C-alpha atoms as a PDB file:
ATOM      1  CA  MET A   1       0.000   0.000   0.000  1.00  0.00           C
ATOM      2  CA  ARG A   2       2.939   2.312   0.670  1.00  0.00           C
ATOM      3  CA  ARG A   3       3.599   3.264  -2.974  1.00  0.00           C
ATOM      4  CA  ARG A   4       0.208   2.497  -4.448  1.00  0.00           C
ATOM      5  CA  SER A   5      -1.719   5.462  -5.850  1.00  0.00           C
ATOM      6  CA  TRP A   6      -5.182   6.005  -4.432  1.00  0.00           C
ATOM      7  CA  ARG A   7      -6.406   5.996  -8.051  1.00  0.00           C
ATOM      8  CA  ASP A   8      -5.457   2.322  -8.355  1.00  0.00           C
ATOM      9  CA  ALA A   9      -7.258   1.308  -5.172  1.00  0.00           C
ATOM     10  CA  ALA A  10     -10.743  -0.158  -4.774  1.00  0.00           C
ATOM     11  CA  LEU A  11     -12.526   2.248  -2.426  1.00  0.00           C
ATOM     12  CA  LEU A  12     -15.962   2.476  -0.795  1.00  0.00           C
ATOM     13  CA  CYS A  13     -17.493   5.617   0.697  1.00  0.00           C
ATOM     14  CA  VAL A  14     -19.705   4.701   3.639  1.00  0.00           C
ATOM     15  CA  ASP A  15     -22.137   6.574   5.855  1.00  0.00           C
ATOM     16  CA  VAL A  16     -24.452   5.389   8.630  1.00  0.00           C
ATOM     17  CA  GLU A  17     -27.381   6.870  10.511  1.00  0.00           C
ATOM     18  CA  LEU A  18     -27.654   5.998  14.194  1.00  0.00           C
ATOM     19  CA  THR A  19     -30.012   6.087  17.147  1.00  0.00           C
ATOM     20  CA  GLY A  20     -27.301   8.049  18.984  1.00  0.00           C
ATOM     21  CA  LEU A  21     -23.553   8.279  19.452  1.00  0.00           C
ATOM     22  CA  ASP A  22     -22.940   5.833  22.305  1.00  0.00           C
ATOM     23  CA  PRO A  23     -21.630   2.523  20.881  1.00  0.00           C
ATOM     24  CA  LYS A  24     -22.696   0.750  24.082  1.00  0.00           C
ATOM     25  CA  THR A  25     -26.375   1.609  23.758  1.00  0.00           C
ATOM     26  CA  ASP A  26     -27.009   2.953  20.260  1.00  0.00           C
ATOM     27  CA  GLU A  27     -27.388   1.212  16.922  1.00  0.00           C
ATOM     28  CA  VAL A  28     -27.098   1.554  13.163  1.00  0.00           C
ATOM     29  CA  ILE A  29     -30.532   2.155  11.616  1.00  0.00           C
ATOM     30  CA  ALA A  30     -29.540   3.070   8.051  1.00  0.00           C
ATOM     31  CA  PHE A  31     -26.513   2.851   5.785  1.00  0.00           C
ATOM     32  CA  GLY A  32     -25.388   3.983   2.373  1.00  0.00           C
ATOM     33  CA  ALA A  33     -22.230   3.114   0.455  1.00  0.00           C
ATOM     34  CA  VAL A  34     -20.902   3.935  -2.996  1.00  0.00           C
ATOM     35  CA  PRO A  35     -17.773   2.430  -4.610  1.00  0.00           C
ATOM     36  CA  LEU A  36     -14.962   4.349  -6.304  1.00  0.00           C
ATOM     37  CA  ASP A  37     -12.880   2.652  -8.974  1.00  0.00           C
ATOM     38  CA  GLY A  38     -10.168   4.244 -11.081  1.00  0.00           C
ATOM     39  CA  GLY A  39     -10.762   7.595  -9.425  1.00  0.00           C
ATOM     40  CA  ARG A  40     -14.447   7.639 -10.395  1.00  0.00           C
ATOM     41  CA  ILE A  41     -17.659   7.312  -8.388  1.00  0.00           C
ATOM     42  CA  ARG A  42     -19.533   4.195  -9.517  1.00  0.00           C
ATOM     43  CA  VAL A  43     -23.118   5.012  -8.612  1.00  0.00           C
ATOM     44  CA  ALA A  44     -24.409   1.821 -10.223  1.00  0.00           C
ATOM     45  CA  GLY A  45     -22.639  -0.176  -7.515  1.00  0.00           C
ATOM     46  CA  ALA A  46     -24.162   1.734  -4.587  1.00  0.00           C
ATOM     47  CA  VAL A  47     -25.890  -0.154  -1.760  1.00  0.00           C
ATOM     48  CA  GLN A  48     -28.203   1.223   0.903  1.00  0.00           C
ATOM     49  CA  GLY A  49     -30.737   0.016   3.414  1.00  0.00           C
ATOM     50  CA  MET A  50     -32.461   0.396   6.757  1.00  0.00           C
ATOM     51  CA  VAL A  51     -32.016  -1.705   9.877  1.00  0.00           C
ATOM     52  CA  LYS A  52     -34.614  -2.622  12.487  1.00  0.00           C
ATOM     53  CA  PRO A  53     -33.219  -1.580  15.870  1.00  0.00           C
ATOM     54  CA  THR A  54     -33.303  -4.100  18.685  1.00  0.00           C
ATOM     55  CA  ALA A  55     -34.148  -1.438  21.268  1.00  0.00           C
ATOM     56  CA  GLY A  56     -37.853  -1.272  20.439  1.00  0.00           C
ATOM     57  CA  ARG A  57     -38.960   1.490  18.087  1.00  0.00           C
ATOM     58  CA  ARG A  58     -36.413   4.071  19.168  1.00  0.00           C
ATOM     59  CA  THR A  59     -34.866   5.879  16.202  1.00  0.00           C
ATOM     60  CA  GLY A  60     -32.855   8.576  17.928  1.00  0.00           C
ATOM     61  CA  PRO A  61     -32.551  12.185  16.710  1.00  0.00           C
ATOM     62  CA  VAL A  62     -35.358  12.312  14.117  1.00  0.00           C
ATOM     63  CA  GLU A  63     -34.749  16.037  13.644  1.00  0.00           C
ATOM     64  CA  ILE A  64     -31.334  15.156  12.210  1.00  0.00           C
ATOM     65  CA  HIS A  65     -31.815  12.019  10.090  1.00  0.00           C
ATOM     66  CA  GLY A  66     -35.578  12.217   9.534  1.00  0.00           C
ATOM     67  CA  ILE A  67     -36.140   8.497  10.150  1.00  0.00           C
ATOM     68  CA  LEU A  68     -39.410   7.829  11.982  1.00  0.00           C
ATOM     69  CA  PRO A  69     -40.215   4.656  13.954  1.00  0.00           C
ATOM     70  CA  HIS A  70     -42.700   3.416  11.358  1.00  0.00           C
ATOM     71  CA  ASP A  71     -40.038   3.767   8.651  1.00  0.00           C
ATOM     72  CA  LEU A  72     -38.260   0.821  10.265  1.00  0.00           C
ATOM     73  CA  ASP A  73     -41.291  -1.415  10.769  1.00  0.00           C
ATOM     74  CA  SER A  74     -40.506  -3.529   7.711  1.00  0.00           C
ATOM     75  CA  ALA A  75     -36.711  -3.189   7.908  1.00  0.00           C
ATOM     76  CA  PRO A  76     -34.761  -6.450   8.348  1.00  0.00           C
ATOM     77  CA  PRO A  77     -32.678  -7.159  11.455  1.00  0.00           C
ATOM     78  CA  LEU A  78     -29.057  -6.069  11.491  1.00  0.00           C
ATOM     79  CA  ALA A  79     -27.357  -9.248  10.243  1.00  0.00           C
ATOM     80  CA  GLU A  80     -29.687  -9.501   7.249  1.00  0.00           C
ATOM     81  CA  ALA A  81     -29.786  -5.771   6.547  1.00  0.00           C
ATOM     82  CA  LEU A  82     -25.999  -5.349   6.485  1.00  0.00           C
ATOM     83  CA  ALA A  83     -25.268  -8.405   4.341  1.00  0.00           C
ATOM     84  CA  PRO A  84     -25.089  -6.297   1.122  1.00  0.00           C
ATOM     85  CA  LEU A  85     -22.705  -3.863   2.824  1.00  0.00           C
ATOM     86  CA  ALA A  86     -20.540  -6.701   4.144  1.00  0.00           C
ATOM     87  CA  GLU A  87     -20.217  -7.974   0.568  1.00  0.00           C
ATOM     88  CA  ALA A  88     -19.618  -4.518  -0.917  1.00  0.00           C
ATOM     89  CA  ILE A  89     -16.881  -3.584   1.556  1.00  0.00           C
ATOM     90  CA  SER A  90     -14.916  -6.818   1.120  1.00  0.00           C
ATOM     91  CA  GLY A  91     -11.572  -6.114  -0.544  1.00  0.00           C
ATOM     92  CA  ARG A  92     -12.075  -2.348  -0.495  1.00  0.00           C
ATOM     93  CA  THR A  93     -10.660   0.498   1.570  1.00  0.00           C
ATOM     94  CA  PRO A  94     -13.500   2.351   3.296  1.00  0.00           C
ATOM     95  CA  ILE A  95     -13.823   6.130   3.241  1.00  0.00           C
ATOM     96  CA  ALA A  96     -15.925   8.008   5.798  1.00  0.00           C
ATOM     97  CA  HIS A  97     -16.227  11.474   7.272  1.00  0.00           C
ATOM     98  CA  ALA A  98     -15.382  11.490  10.983  1.00  0.00           C
ATOM     99  CA  ALA A  99     -14.497   7.821  10.607  1.00  0.00           C
ATOM    100  CA  TRP A 100     -14.501   7.152  14.347  1.00  0.00           C
ATOM    101  CA  VAL A 101     -18.280   6.717  14.008  1.00  0.00           C
ATOM    102  CA  GLU A 102     -17.943   3.978  11.408  1.00  0.00           C
ATOM    103  CA  ARG A 103     -15.147   2.319  13.392  1.00  0.00           C
ATOM    104  CA  ALA A 104     -17.217   2.250  16.569  1.00  0.00           C
ATOM    105  CA  PHE A 105     -20.503   1.099  15.060  1.00  0.00           C
ATOM    106  CA  LEU A 106     -19.790  -0.698  11.783  1.00  0.00           C
ATOM    107  CA  GLY A 107     -17.001  -2.884  13.109  1.00  0.00           C
ATOM    108  CA  PRO A 108     -19.229  -4.849  15.511  1.00  0.00           C
ATOM    109  CA  ALA A 109     -22.264  -4.613  13.209  1.00  0.00           C
ATOM    110  CA  LEU A 110     -20.499  -6.062  10.176  1.00  0.00           C
ATOM    111  CA  ARG A 111     -19.195  -8.978  12.222  1.00  0.00           C
ATOM    112  CA  GLN A 112     -22.794  -9.904  12.971  1.00  0.00           C
ATOM    113  CA  ALA A 113     -23.450  -9.858   9.219  1.00  0.00           C
ATOM    114  CA  GLY A 114     -20.528 -12.182   8.514  1.00  0.00           C
ATOM    115  CA  GLY A 115     -18.194  -9.460   7.285  1.00  0.00           C
ATOM    116  CA  ARG A 116     -15.569  -7.194   8.757  1.00  0.00           C
ATOM    117  CA  LEU A 117     -14.529  -3.572   8.678  1.00  0.00           C
ATOM    118  CA  PRO A 118     -11.041  -3.240   7.154  1.00  0.00           C
ATOM    119  CA  ARG A 119      -8.429  -1.837   9.523  1.00  0.00           C
ATOM    120  CA  GLY A 120      -7.333   0.979   7.235  1.00  0.00           C
ATOM    121  CA  ILE A 121     -10.003   3.655   6.807  1.00  0.00           C
ATOM    122  CA  ILE A 122      -9.645   6.976   4.995  1.00  0.00           C
ATOM    123  CA  ASP A 123     -11.203   9.856   6.937  1.00  0.00           C
ATOM    124  CA  THR A 124     -12.141  12.876   4.793  1.00  0.00           C
ATOM    125  CA  ALA A 125     -12.195  15.053   7.919  1.00  0.00           C
ATOM    126  CA  MET A 126      -8.531  14.128   8.438  1.00  0.00           C
ATOM    127  CA  LEU A 127      -7.714  14.660   4.739  1.00  0.00           C
ATOM    128  CA  TRP A 128      -8.940  18.238   5.104  1.00  0.00           C
ATOM    129  CA  ARG A 129      -6.596  18.723   8.052  1.00  0.00           C
ATOM    130  CA  LEU A 130      -3.693  17.106   6.169  1.00  0.00           C
ATOM    131  CA  HIS A 131      -4.286  19.422   3.227  1.00  0.00           C
ATOM    132  CA  GLY A 132      -4.069  22.423   5.515  1.00  0.00           C
ATOM    133  CA  VAL A 133      -0.818  21.151   7.000  1.00  0.00           C
ATOM    134  CA  VAL A 134       0.954  20.435   3.706  1.00  0.00           C
ATOM    135  CA  ALA A 135      -0.484  23.356   1.730  1.00  0.00           C
ATOM    136  CA  ASP A 136      -0.492  26.129   4.325  1.00  0.00           C
ATOM    137  CA  GLY A 137       1.526  24.788   7.249  1.00  0.00           C
ATOM    138  CA  ALA A 138      -1.504  25.028   9.534  1.00  0.00           C
ATOM    139  CA  ASP A 139      -4.010  22.473  10.814  1.00  0.00           C
ATOM    140  CA  PRO A 140      -7.551  23.812  10.245  1.00  0.00           C
ATOM    141  CA  GLY A 141      -8.978  21.297  12.715  1.00  0.00           C
ATOM    142  CA  TYR A 142     -12.086  19.182  12.379  1.00  0.00           C
ATOM    143  CA  LYS A 143     -14.810  20.496  10.070  1.00  0.00           C
ATOM    144  CA  PRO A 144     -18.261  18.993   9.414  1.00  0.00           C
ATOM    145  CA  LEU A 145     -18.985  17.522   5.990  1.00  0.00           C
ATOM    146  CA  LEU A 146     -21.250  20.444   5.030  1.00  0.00           C
ATOM    147  CA  THR A 147     -18.463  22.910   5.785  1.00  0.00           C
ATOM    148  CA  LEU A 148     -16.103  21.027   3.478  1.00  0.00           C
ATOM    149  CA  THR A 149     -18.605  21.063   0.611  1.00  0.00           C
ATOM    150  CA  GLU A 150     -18.933  24.824   1.033  1.00  0.00           C
ATOM    151  CA  GLN A 151     -15.169  25.340   1.174  1.00  0.00           C
ATOM    152  CA  LEU A 152     -14.588  23.125  -1.864  1.00  0.00           C
ATOM    153  CA  GLY A 153     -17.522  24.471  -3.887  1.00  0.00           C
ATOM    154  CA  LEU A 154     -19.267  21.094  -4.049  1.00  0.00           C
ATOM    155  CA  PRO A 155     -22.952  20.162  -3.839  1.00  0.00           C
ATOM    156  CA  SER A 156     -24.343  18.490  -0.733  1.00  0.00           C
ATOM    157  CA  HIS A 157     -26.675  15.578  -1.485  1.00  0.00           C
ATOM    158  CA  HIS A 158     -29.511  15.172   1.032  1.00  0.00           C
ATOM    159  CA  PRO A 159     -27.543  15.948   4.226  1.00  0.00           C
ATOM    160  CA  HIS A 160     -27.946  13.489   7.115  1.00  0.00           C
ATOM    161  CA  GLN A 161     -29.365  10.799   4.873  1.00  0.00           C
ATOM    162  CA  ALA A 162     -26.967   7.870   4.603  1.00  0.00           C
ATOM    163  CA  MET A 163     -26.860   7.551   0.807  1.00  0.00           C
ATOM    164  CA  GLY A 164     -26.746  11.302   0.293  1.00  0.00           C
ATOM    165  CA  ASP A 165     -23.886  11.723   2.745  1.00  0.00           C
ATOM    166  CA  ALA A 166     -22.010   8.795   1.189  1.00  0.00           C
ATOM    167  CA  LEU A 167     -22.201  10.477  -2.238  1.00  0.00           C
ATOM    168  CA  THR A 168     -21.182  13.827  -0.780  1.00  0.00           C
ATOM    169  CA  THR A 169     -18.262  12.197   1.026  1.00  0.00           C
ATOM    170  CA  ALA A 170     -17.177  10.578  -2.240  1.00  0.00           C
ATOM    171  CA  GLN A 171     -17.074  13.958  -3.982  1.00  0.00           C
ATOM    172  CA  VAL A 172     -15.200  15.550  -1.090  1.00  0.00           C
ATOM    173  CA  PHE A 173     -12.729  12.669  -1.124  1.00  0.00           C
ATOM    174  CA  LEU A 174     -12.024  13.040  -4.849  1.00  0.00           C
ATOM    175  CA  ALA A 175     -11.450  16.787  -4.481  1.00  0.00           C
ATOM    176  CA  LEU A 176      -9.107  16.436  -1.511  1.00  0.00           C
ATOM    177  CA  ALA A 177      -7.263  13.373  -2.817  1.00  0.00           C
ATOM    178  CA  THR A 178      -6.595  15.189  -6.093  1.00  0.00           C
ATOM    179  CA  ARG A 179      -5.268  18.243  -4.289  1.00  0.00           C
ATOM    180  CA  LEU A 180      -3.071  16.149  -2.008  1.00  0.00           C
ATOM    181  CA  GLU A 181      -1.778  14.194  -4.993  1.00  0.00           C
ATOM    182  CA  ARG A 182      -0.590  17.458  -6.553  1.00  0.00           C
ATOM    183  CA  LEU A 183       1.199  18.242  -3.309  1.00  0.00           C
ATOM    184  CA  GLY A 184       3.046  14.932  -3.330  1.00  0.00           C
ATOM    185  CA  HIS A 185       0.716  12.994  -1.033  1.00  0.00           C
ATOM    186  CA  GLY A 186      -1.080  10.792  -3.517  1.00  0.00           C
ATOM    187  CA  THR A 187      -0.430   7.279  -2.287  1.00  0.00           C
ATOM    188  CA  LEU A 188      -3.103   5.192  -0.627  1.00  0.00           C
ATOM    189  CA  ALA A 189      -0.902   5.007   2.479  1.00  0.00           C
ATOM    190  CA  ASP A 190      -0.664   8.811   2.603  1.00  0.00           C
ATOM    191  CA  LEU A 191      -4.434   9.049   2.785  1.00  0.00           C
ATOM    192  CA  VAL A 192      -5.072   6.142   5.150  1.00  0.00           C
ATOM    193  CA  HIS A 193      -2.426   7.452   7.572  1.00  0.00           C
ATOM    194  CA  ALA A 194      -3.213  11.160   7.246  1.00  0.00           C
ATOM    195  CA  ASP A 195      -3.645  11.346  11.014  1.00  0.00           C
ATOM    196  CA  ARG A 196       0.025  10.458  11.524  1.00  0.00           C
ATOM    197  CA  ARG A 197       1.216  13.366   9.394  1.00  0.00           C
ATOM    198  CA  VAL A 198      -1.119  15.756  11.176  1.00  0.00           C
ATOM    199  CA  ALA A 199       0.102  14.475  14.560  1.00  0.00           C
ATOM    200  CA  THR A 200       3.714  14.953  13.455  1.00  0.00           C
ATOM    201  CA  HIS A 201       2.919  18.538  12.524  1.00  0.00           C
ATOM    202  CA  HIS A 202       1.670  19.202  16.050  1.00  0.00           C
ATOM    203  CA  HIS A 203       4.673  17.551  17.678  1.00  0.00           C
ATOM    204  CA  PHE A 204       7.206  19.210  15.368  1.00  0.00           C
ATOM    205  CA  PRO A 205       5.730  22.492  14.071  1.00  0.00           C
ATOM    206  CA  GLY A 206       7.360  23.637  10.877  1.00  0.00           C
ATOM    207  CA  HIS A 207       7.993  20.080   9.679  1.00  0.00           C
ATOM    208  CA  GLY A 208       4.424  19.359   8.469  1.00  0.00           C
END
């Protein structure tokens, strides 16, 4: 992976909607994922679905994701619902915005569906910070996905809906990966380990 260009990698942008942000008590209730091959978004290969929560009819912050309890009445249980995602993510490097959410929730969830979450995940929030470090010598810090679309002049597809956010994340990824490539940070390893470069910048200012 060290010398491999991100353009040659099989990638998958993933987003989930949750009942809340506590991995001990909250659950995945919707997901969306879209593959990227050869540096292009492959919408035809997208997968999405809803998941029936085990904790009754609780759906969490409806004002954010818009998912009502009755929307999940006919949704399959987690293992069945995530089977398409487990298949889609196999052999691919995931991409997510604020990837700690996907790490915390999708890792255990995919295991129940007979799959696994790959160890290396590209975080577009961290790519934005890496770009600031290598382009301007300053870490801009964490920014929400909507802020990045505004800064990059990109459209935002149905915010806080899993498939819409997955597509938006894919566009943000392509914009940032292209910029970083021009700055000499275009390998898959550069992007997967963006956090290391950002951390180095904070430990040794002026060497980012």
